[in-house]
Protein backbone atom coordinates (compact mmCIF):
# COMPACT_ATOMS: atom_id res chain seq x y z
CA MET A 1 1.00 18.83 12.14
CA THR A 2 0.39 22.59 11.88
CA THR A 3 -2.19 23.85 9.30
CA HIS A 4 -0.93 26.65 7.10
CA SER A 5 -2.33 28.65 4.07
CA THR A 6 -4.33 27.26 1.34
CA PRO A 7 -2.84 27.90 -2.18
CA ALA A 8 -5.03 28.81 -5.10
CA VAL A 9 -2.42 27.65 -7.64
CA LEU A 10 0.70 25.60 -7.72
CA ARG A 11 3.18 26.79 -10.19
CA HIS A 12 6.17 25.07 -11.73
CA ALA A 13 5.25 21.69 -10.22
CA ARG A 14 7.04 18.55 -11.35
CA LEU A 15 4.65 15.70 -11.78
CA PRO A 16 5.59 12.10 -12.60
CA ALA A 17 5.49 10.99 -16.22
CA TRP A 18 3.03 8.17 -15.48
CA LEU A 19 0.44 10.66 -14.35
CA LEU A 20 0.62 12.94 -17.38
CA GLY A 21 0.25 10.75 -20.44
CA ASP A 22 2.12 10.70 -23.76
CA ALA A 23 0.63 14.02 -25.05
CA TRP A 24 2.10 16.13 -22.22
CA PRO A 25 5.04 18.31 -23.51
CA ARG A 26 8.50 17.47 -22.52
CA ALA A 27 11.45 19.56 -21.53
CA GLY A 28 14.38 17.36 -22.73
CA THR A 29 13.81 13.90 -21.37
CA ALA A 30 11.66 15.00 -18.48
CA PRO A 31 7.92 16.10 -18.51
CA ALA A 32 7.38 19.83 -18.68
CA LEU A 33 6.50 21.53 -15.39
CA ALA A 34 2.81 21.92 -14.54
CA ARG A 35 0.42 24.59 -13.41
CA ILE A 36 -2.18 23.07 -10.91
CA GLU A 37 -5.20 25.12 -10.13
CA LEU A 38 -7.10 24.41 -6.85
CA ALA A 39 -10.50 25.51 -5.54
CA HIS A 40 -13.02 24.29 -3.00
CA GLY A 41 -10.64 21.46 -1.91
CA ARG A 42 -10.29 19.97 -5.37
CA VAL A 43 -8.05 20.15 -8.45
CA GLN A 44 -9.68 22.24 -11.07
CA ALA A 45 -7.03 22.24 -13.87
CA VAL A 46 -3.61 20.81 -14.65
CA VAL A 47 -1.89 22.43 -17.64
CA PRO A 48 1.66 22.85 -18.76
CA GLU A 49 3.48 25.74 -17.16
CA ASP A 50 3.44 28.82 -19.34
CA GLY A 51 6.06 30.91 -17.54
CA SER A 52 3.79 33.92 -16.84
CA PRO A 53 4.30 36.00 -13.70
CA ILE A 54 3.40 34.37 -10.42
CA GLU A 55 0.04 35.63 -9.27
CA PRO A 56 -0.90 36.46 -5.68
CA GLY A 57 -2.04 33.48 -3.79
CA ALA A 58 0.07 31.05 -5.91
CA TRP A 59 2.89 28.94 -4.64
CA GLN A 60 5.97 28.92 -6.93
CA LEU A 61 7.39 25.44 -6.36
CA HIS A 62 10.55 25.89 -8.48
CA GLY A 63 10.17 22.29 -9.81
CA ALA A 64 9.40 20.59 -6.54
CA LEU A 65 8.07 17.01 -6.97
CA VAL A 66 4.36 16.50 -6.49
CA LEU A 67 2.44 13.23 -5.98
CA PRO A 68 -1.22 12.32 -5.34
CA GLY A 69 -2.06 10.97 -1.87
CA LEU A 70 -0.39 7.71 -1.00
CA VAL A 71 -1.93 4.15 -0.82
CA ASP A 72 -0.34 1.85 1.70
CA ALA A 73 -1.89 -1.38 0.60
CA HIS A 74 -0.71 -3.84 3.22
CA VAL A 75 -0.12 -3.27 6.99
CA HIS A 76 -0.83 -4.94 10.29
CA LEU A 77 -2.17 -2.35 12.81
CA ASP A 78 -3.16 -5.12 15.22
CA LYS A 79 0.42 -6.24 15.72
CA THR A 80 2.14 -2.86 15.49
CA PHE A 81 4.43 -1.38 18.06
CA THR A 82 4.57 -4.70 20.05
CA LEU A 83 8.33 -5.50 19.56
CA ALA A 84 9.60 -3.59 22.64
CA ARG A 85 7.76 -5.87 24.89
CA ILE A 86 8.75 -9.14 23.33
CA PRO A 87 11.92 -10.56 24.89
CA GLU A 88 13.15 -12.65 21.93
CA VAL A 89 12.21 -13.34 18.31
CA GLN A 90 13.74 -16.25 16.42
CA PRO A 91 14.88 -15.36 12.87
CA GLY A 92 12.63 -15.90 9.94
CA LEU A 93 8.82 -15.83 9.21
CA LEU A 94 7.89 -18.75 11.49
CA GLY A 95 9.85 -17.38 14.38
CA ALA A 96 8.08 -14.05 14.01
CA ILE A 97 4.69 -15.84 13.86
CA GLU A 98 5.43 -17.68 17.02
CA ALA A 99 6.45 -14.54 18.88
CA SER A 100 3.46 -12.64 17.71
CA VAL A 101 0.97 -15.47 18.71
CA ALA A 102 2.40 -15.47 22.20
CA ASP A 103 2.09 -11.66 22.41
CA MET A 104 -1.69 -11.96 21.56
CA ALA A 105 -2.37 -12.93 25.12
CA ARG A 106 -1.50 -9.29 26.07
CA TRP A 107 -3.98 -7.78 23.57
CA THR A 108 -6.86 -5.94 24.97
CA PRO A 109 -9.19 -3.42 23.12
CA GLU A 110 -7.42 -0.46 24.75
CA ASP A 111 -3.98 -1.78 23.96
CA ILE A 112 -4.90 -2.37 20.29
CA ARG A 113 -6.63 1.07 20.03
CA THR A 114 -3.60 2.84 21.44
CA ARG A 115 -1.15 1.10 19.21
CA ALA A 116 -3.23 1.28 16.03
CA SER A 117 -4.07 4.97 16.58
CA GLN A 118 -0.44 5.85 16.68
CA GLY A 119 0.07 3.93 13.37
CA LEU A 120 -2.89 5.81 11.80
CA GLN A 121 -1.48 9.16 12.88
CA TRP A 122 1.98 8.34 11.43
CA ALA A 123 0.31 7.29 8.17
CA TRP A 124 -1.75 10.45 7.99
CA GLU A 125 1.41 12.56 8.60
CA ALA A 126 3.26 10.67 5.82
CA GLY A 127 0.55 11.68 3.31
CA THR A 128 -1.38 8.33 3.12
CA THR A 129 -5.01 8.61 2.07
CA LEU A 130 -5.81 4.88 2.06
CA LEU A 131 -4.46 2.26 4.42
CA ARG A 132 -5.34 -1.39 4.30
CA THR A 133 -4.69 -3.41 7.40
CA HIS A 134 -4.77 -7.28 7.82
CA VAL A 135 -6.29 -8.47 11.10
CA ASN A 136 -5.41 -11.80 12.66
CA TRP A 137 -8.46 -14.05 12.65
CA PRO A 138 -7.32 -17.22 14.27
CA GLU A 139 -10.58 -18.91 15.14
CA ILE A 140 -13.79 -19.56 13.21
CA GLY A 141 -16.85 -18.19 15.06
CA PRO A 142 -16.19 -15.27 17.33
CA LEU A 143 -14.92 -12.01 16.03
CA PRO A 144 -11.18 -11.57 16.94
CA CYS A 145 -10.50 -9.06 19.60
CA ALA A 146 -8.91 -6.59 17.17
CA TRP A 147 -11.62 -6.60 14.55
CA PRO A 148 -14.25 -4.36 16.28
CA VAL A 149 -11.55 -1.97 17.52
CA LEU A 150 -10.18 -1.36 14.05
CA ASP A 151 -13.65 -1.25 12.67
CA ARG A 152 -14.39 1.59 15.10
CA LEU A 153 -11.19 3.32 14.12
CA ALA A 154 -12.10 3.05 10.39
CA HIS A 155 -15.21 5.13 11.16
CA ASP A 156 -13.40 7.60 13.48
CA TRP A 157 -10.68 8.37 10.82
CA ALA A 158 -12.99 8.45 7.88
CA ASP A 159 -12.71 12.22 7.36
CA ARG A 160 -8.84 11.84 7.26
CA LEU A 161 -8.12 8.63 5.55
CA THR A 162 -9.71 5.46 4.31
CA LEU A 163 -9.01 2.43 6.43
CA GLN A 164 -9.83 -1.02 5.05
CA LEU A 165 -9.85 -4.29 7.13
CA VAL A 166 -8.92 -7.82 5.80
CA SER A 167 -9.57 -10.91 7.81
CA LEU A 168 -6.34 -12.97 8.03
CA THR A 169 -7.16 -16.73 8.62
CA LYS A 170 -4.93 -19.69 7.82
CA LEU A 171 -6.12 -21.22 4.47
CA ASP A 172 -6.60 -24.68 5.88
CA SER A 173 -9.32 -23.37 8.24
CA PHE A 174 -11.48 -23.23 5.14
CA ALA A 175 -11.34 -26.90 4.34
CA ASP A 176 -14.76 -26.92 5.79
CA PRO A 177 -16.86 -24.71 3.47
CA ALA A 178 -19.11 -23.70 6.31
CA ALA A 179 -16.15 -22.07 8.03
CA ALA A 180 -15.54 -19.98 4.92
CA ARG A 181 -19.19 -18.97 4.81
CA THR A 182 -19.21 -17.98 8.51
CA VAL A 183 -16.16 -15.63 8.01
CA ALA A 184 -17.53 -14.18 4.81
CA ALA A 185 -20.78 -13.37 6.41
CA GLN A 186 -19.02 -11.72 9.42
CA VAL A 187 -16.75 -9.64 7.09
CA LYS A 188 -19.74 -8.59 4.99
CA ALA A 189 -21.56 -7.44 8.03
CA SER A 190 -18.78 -4.92 8.75
CA GLY A 191 -19.43 -2.94 5.58
CA ALA A 192 -17.79 -1.83 2.33
CA HIS A 193 -14.41 -1.27 3.94
CA ALA A 194 -13.96 -4.91 4.83
CA LEU A 195 -12.46 -7.72 2.77
CA MET A 196 -12.07 -11.45 3.19
CA GLY A 197 -8.47 -12.88 3.31
CA GLY A 198 -6.16 -15.70 4.25
CA PHE A 199 -2.68 -16.94 4.80
CA VAL A 200 -1.60 -19.18 2.02
CA HIS A 201 1.72 -21.05 2.46
CA SER A 202 3.21 -24.43 1.27
CA THR A 203 2.59 -25.74 4.78
CA ASN A 204 -1.19 -25.24 4.46
CA TRP A 205 -1.91 -25.18 0.73
CA ASN A 206 -5.19 -26.73 0.05
CA ALA A 207 -6.85 -26.24 -3.34
CA GLN A 208 -10.33 -27.10 -2.03
CA ALA A 209 -9.97 -24.70 0.85
CA MET A 210 -9.02 -21.98 -1.66
CA ARG A 211 -12.11 -22.78 -3.71
CA HIS A 212 -14.20 -22.51 -0.54
CA LEU A 213 -12.71 -19.19 0.38
CA LEU A 214 -13.34 -17.65 -3.03
CA GLN A 215 -16.81 -19.20 -3.38
CA ALA A 216 -17.80 -17.70 0.02
CA ALA A 217 -16.36 -14.29 -0.84
CA GLN A 218 -18.17 -14.36 -4.19
CA ALA A 219 -21.43 -15.27 -2.55
CA GLN A 220 -21.12 -12.24 -0.32
CA ASP A 221 -19.87 -9.97 -3.16
CA LEU A 222 -16.57 -9.43 -1.35
CA ASP A 223 -13.12 -8.69 -2.71
CA VAL A 224 -10.30 -10.78 -1.36
CA ASP A 225 -6.80 -9.99 -0.07
CA LEU A 226 -4.31 -12.89 0.53
CA HIS A 227 -0.88 -13.51 1.99
CA VAL A 228 0.50 -15.82 -0.62
CA ASP A 229 3.80 -17.84 -0.87
CA GLU A 230 5.72 -15.73 1.69
CA GLU A 231 8.65 -18.22 1.40
CA LEU A 232 11.50 -19.20 -0.84
CA HIS A 233 10.22 -22.67 -1.72
CA PRO A 234 10.49 -23.24 -5.50
CA THR A 235 7.56 -25.67 -5.55
CA ALA A 236 5.13 -23.23 -3.76
CA GLU A 237 1.67 -23.58 -5.35
CA GLY A 238 -0.38 -20.76 -3.80
CA LEU A 239 -0.17 -18.08 -6.42
CA LEU A 240 -0.61 -20.44 -9.35
CA GLY A 241 -3.52 -22.25 -7.58
CA THR A 242 -5.30 -19.10 -6.65
CA ALA A 243 -5.10 -17.79 -10.29
CA ARG A 244 -6.39 -21.00 -11.77
CA ILE A 245 -9.22 -21.46 -9.28
CA ALA A 246 -10.27 -17.78 -9.71
CA ARG A 247 -10.51 -18.24 -13.41
CA GLU A 248 -12.40 -21.55 -12.97
CA LEU A 249 -14.87 -19.84 -10.75
CA GLY A 250 -15.22 -16.70 -12.95
CA PHE A 251 -14.49 -14.77 -9.75
CA ALA A 252 -16.06 -11.34 -10.26
CA GLY A 253 -14.15 -9.36 -7.59
CA ARG A 254 -10.53 -8.20 -7.17
CA ILE A 255 -7.97 -10.47 -5.57
CA VAL A 256 -4.80 -9.13 -4.07
CA CYS A 257 -1.87 -11.45 -3.53
CA GLY A 258 0.74 -10.11 -1.18
CA HIS A 259 4.37 -11.17 -0.86
CA VAL A 260 4.61 -13.95 -3.40
CA CYS A 261 8.26 -14.24 -2.60
CA ALA A 262 8.62 -17.78 -3.84
CA LEU A 263 8.50 -16.53 -7.53
CA ALA A 264 12.06 -15.35 -6.95
CA ALA A 265 13.23 -18.76 -5.85
CA MET A 266 11.70 -20.75 -8.86
CA PRO A 267 13.33 -21.71 -12.14
CA GLU A 268 12.73 -18.82 -14.38
CA ALA A 269 10.52 -20.64 -16.83
CA ARG A 270 8.15 -21.83 -14.11
CA ALA A 271 7.97 -18.35 -12.46
CA LEU A 272 7.17 -16.67 -15.91
CA SER A 273 4.58 -19.13 -16.78
CA ILE A 274 2.82 -18.53 -13.44
CA LEU A 275 2.92 -14.79 -14.07
CA ASP A 276 1.36 -15.47 -17.43
CA GLU A 277 -1.45 -17.23 -15.60
CA VAL A 278 -1.81 -14.37 -13.10
CA ALA A 279 -2.11 -11.87 -15.98
CA ARG A 280 -5.23 -13.64 -17.06
CA ALA A 281 -6.81 -13.51 -13.60
CA PRO A 282 -8.31 -10.54 -11.63
CA ILE A 283 -5.18 -10.38 -9.48
CA THR A 284 -3.06 -7.59 -8.13
CA LEU A 285 0.32 -8.23 -6.65
CA VAL A 286 1.56 -6.39 -3.58
CA SER A 287 5.35 -6.52 -2.74
CA LEU A 288 6.48 -5.73 0.76
CA PRO A 289 10.25 -5.09 0.29
CA ILE A 290 11.36 -4.28 3.74
CA THR A 291 9.87 -7.35 5.52
CA ASN A 292 10.38 -9.68 2.50
CA LEU A 293 14.10 -8.74 2.51
CA LEU A 294 14.32 -9.15 6.37
CA LEU A 295 12.46 -12.42 6.92
CA GLN A 296 13.47 -14.59 3.92
CA ASP A 297 16.55 -16.81 4.14
CA ALA A 298 17.03 -15.57 7.80
CA ARG A 299 19.36 -17.53 10.07
CA THR A 300 21.31 -16.45 13.16
CA GLY A 301 24.83 -15.52 12.38
CA ARG A 302 24.63 -16.03 8.66
CA THR A 303 24.32 -13.38 5.89
CA PRO A 304 21.30 -14.16 3.71
CA ARG A 305 22.09 -15.60 0.21
CA GLN A 306 18.46 -15.32 -1.12
CA ARG A 307 16.32 -12.25 -1.00
CA GLY A 308 12.51 -12.08 -0.76
CA LEU A 309 11.57 -9.51 -3.38
CA THR A 310 9.18 -10.93 -5.90
CA LEU A 311 9.49 -10.58 -9.70
CA VAL A 312 8.27 -6.94 -9.94
CA LYS A 313 9.65 -6.13 -13.37
CA GLU A 314 8.32 -9.24 -14.93
CA ALA A 315 4.89 -8.66 -13.48
CA ARG A 316 4.74 -5.09 -14.79
CA ALA A 317 5.87 -6.31 -18.19
CA ARG A 318 2.74 -8.45 -18.30
CA GLY A 319 0.51 -5.64 -17.27
CA ILE A 320 -0.20 -7.18 -13.80
CA PRO A 321 -1.26 -4.48 -11.35
CA LEU A 322 1.52 -4.02 -8.79
CA LEU A 323 1.81 -2.09 -5.58
CA PHE A 324 4.58 -1.71 -2.94
CA ALA A 325 3.54 -1.32 0.74
CA SER A 326 4.88 -0.96 4.33
CA ASP A 327 3.73 -4.23 5.88
CA ASN A 328 4.78 -4.78 9.50
CA VAL A 329 6.06 -1.83 11.73
CA GLN A 330 7.95 -2.34 14.86
CA ASP A 331 6.70 -5.80 15.66
CA PRO A 332 8.11 -9.34 15.68
CA PHE A 333 7.99 -9.44 11.82
CA CYS A 334 9.98 -6.12 11.44
CA PRO A 335 11.84 -4.07 13.88
CA VAL A 336 11.83 -0.76 11.88
CA GLY A 337 9.21 1.26 9.99
CA SER A 338 7.15 4.41 10.38
CA TYR A 339 4.13 3.99 8.16
CA ASP A 340 5.84 6.02 5.48
CA PRO A 341 5.38 4.13 2.21
CA LEU A 342 8.41 6.01 0.82
CA GLU A 343 10.60 3.79 3.11
CA GLY A 344 9.30 0.68 1.32
CA MET A 345 9.90 2.31 -2.03
CA ALA A 346 13.43 3.11 -1.13
CA ALA A 347 14.10 -0.53 -0.37
CA ALA A 348 12.37 -1.56 -3.59
CA VAL A 349 14.45 0.79 -5.70
CA LEU A 350 17.76 -0.83 -4.51
CA ALA A 351 16.54 -4.43 -4.12
CA GLY A 352 14.72 -4.39 -7.45
CA GLN A 353 17.15 -2.20 -9.32
CA LEU A 354 14.28 0.09 -10.49
CA ASP A 355 15.07 2.68 -13.08
CA ALA A 356 13.56 6.19 -13.01
CA PRO A 357 11.54 5.43 -9.90
CA PHE A 358 9.72 8.78 -9.60
CA ASP A 359 8.50 8.79 -13.27
CA ARG A 360 7.95 5.09 -13.82
CA TRP A 361 7.36 3.48 -10.40
CA SER A 362 5.82 5.97 -8.05
CA ASP A 363 2.35 4.90 -9.31
CA THR A 364 2.88 1.73 -7.24
CA LEU A 365 2.16 3.95 -4.11
CA CYS A 366 -0.86 5.79 -5.53
CA ARG A 367 -3.06 3.31 -7.32
CA ALA A 368 -6.13 2.68 -5.11
CA ASP A 369 -7.98 1.24 -8.19
CA PHE A 370 -5.60 -1.80 -8.05
CA LEU A 371 -7.08 -2.87 -4.75
CA ALA A 372 -10.74 -3.39 -5.11
CA ARG A 373 -13.84 -2.83 -7.14
CA GLY A 374 -15.58 0.46 -6.84
CA MET A 375 -12.30 2.35 -6.15
CA PRO A 376 -11.65 5.44 -8.31
CA GLY A 377 -9.66 4.82 -11.49
CA ALA A 378 -5.99 5.66 -11.96
CA PRO A 379 -5.28 8.91 -10.01
CA ARG A 380 -6.52 11.84 -12.01
CA MET A 381 -5.45 15.24 -10.89
CA VAL A 382 -8.35 17.07 -12.51
CA ASP A 383 -11.65 16.88 -10.64
CA GLY A 384 -9.96 14.82 -7.85
CA PRO A 385 -9.47 15.95 -4.25
CA ALA A 386 -6.59 18.26 -3.65
CA ASP A 387 -4.75 15.62 -1.56
CA LEU A 388 -1.17 16.11 -2.66
CA LEU A 389 2.33 15.62 -1.36
CA ILE A 390 4.97 18.20 -2.25
CA PHE A 391 8.53 17.24 -1.58
CA THR A 392 10.53 20.32 -0.63
CA GLN A 393 14.12 18.76 -1.06
CA ALA A 394 13.81 15.85 -3.35
CA ASP A 395 14.58 15.75 -7.05
CA ALA A 396 13.38 13.32 -9.70
CA THR A 397 16.68 11.61 -10.41
CA ALA A 398 17.32 10.65 -6.83
CA TRP A 399 13.84 10.12 -5.58
CA PRO A 400 12.89 8.64 -3.09
CA SER A 401 16.06 10.22 -1.35
CA ARG A 402 15.35 13.36 0.66
CA THR A 403 11.60 12.86 0.72
CA GLY A 404 11.30 13.12 4.48
CA ALA A 405 10.68 16.87 4.21
CA ARG A 406 7.23 17.26 2.55
CA VAL A 407 4.21 19.54 2.66
CA LEU A 408 0.79 17.89 2.53
CA LEU A 409 -2.23 19.29 0.97
CA ARG A 410 -5.34 17.78 2.51
CA THR A 411 -8.35 18.93 0.41
CA GLY A 412 -6.25 21.88 -0.54
CA VAL A 413 -5.25 22.90 3.07
CA ALA A 414 -1.59 22.87 3.65
CA HIS A 415 -0.20 20.86 6.56
CA GLY A 416 3.48 21.59 7.10
CA ALA A 417 5.29 24.88 6.56
CA PRO A 418 5.91 25.71 2.93
CA PRO A 419 9.29 27.32 2.27
CA ALA A 420 9.20 31.07 2.17
CA ALA A 421 10.43 31.03 -1.40
CA TRP A 422 7.25 29.39 -2.52
CA ILE A 423 4.89 32.04 -1.37
CA ALA A 424 3.84 34.73 -3.78
CA PRO A 425 2.94 38.15 -2.22
CA THR A 426 -0.68 38.79 -1.57
CA ALA A 427 -2.46 41.59 -3.40
CA ALA A 428 -2.38 43.69 -0.22
CA ALA A 429 1.31 43.30 0.17
CA THR A 430 2.03 44.41 -3.38
CA ALA A 431 -0.18 47.48 -3.21
């Protein structure tokens, strides 16, 4: 992506309502446009637009939509871009797992590095500033092949985006507490960008194993990220059990539970009571709309009757932190995807019938503080890095439509050509 000029000021910028607060003035039903001042790669000020003449060095955005850098909270860089070499994938989650496990025989450090690097490049080009990848960890003891490769990439990409790694181990592997302690110690040794995780499903639910996982993570001061209830069984216990055990242990870290599709298949009273328990635990929910919709209730030759989106509105109503993310990209679990979180948001808007997505829901792609302790708080424009996305063709009512055309600011430096109508003449040109 070509580097362009560095603006000093962004004029007439349309920011989302969630970022501005209740005191921000309004123009009808929408927030008033903003003036964003930049210097030394950071945002120096954000104030309501005053309509004064456009100064040299400023960009006149004419109401273009602006967001902070994106957070893609759940992907699988170790599996990515493998679909083309897999001859057949049976429909549904278990078929995808079987095909992916068979493909792992082909994995080498160079193969993983090549595929994952392409994914990181695409994420960077989309405007992502934090990417969290789960890494298959099938055996207790040796590090999996992909872990040191992705760990190296996390360091190599540190000046462009933050890459976090999560160990992905089947929950029942932790029935032995020593196994949980082994994995936790190995994850801790990787550094602050690594978290402990697990795959939690009705086929392997084990309350004692979950207790061992959380105890081992707590002993190593690790946050946790889990695949939970990625299924449509109304009796699934993973999310409820995790919330109760976390509270019982007084778990001090942050727990992320991804997928939680089963909530949508439960009787409403049970699902809402589980969300009430989650609201009292240190849990963030991550919904993966594209893969959830594709894999759940999947059978050959039959249109799905049930869909996999979890209860996102009900979670938000209870104050439960919620994010949307990309999940699998061009692998046995999902044939599409491009590491652009806006694709997942577009699916969520339709599947979840989300209203005012730019003003009310775009924070689900920007809240790094929902993921782990020690992350910056809710995105703050002022004093934060000037990592911004400017959408050249989108409007707030139809967002995320027409968001492919975007200009990125990375520490204030523009990547992608701004429209000529944005650029104010320089002082020399006006002399």
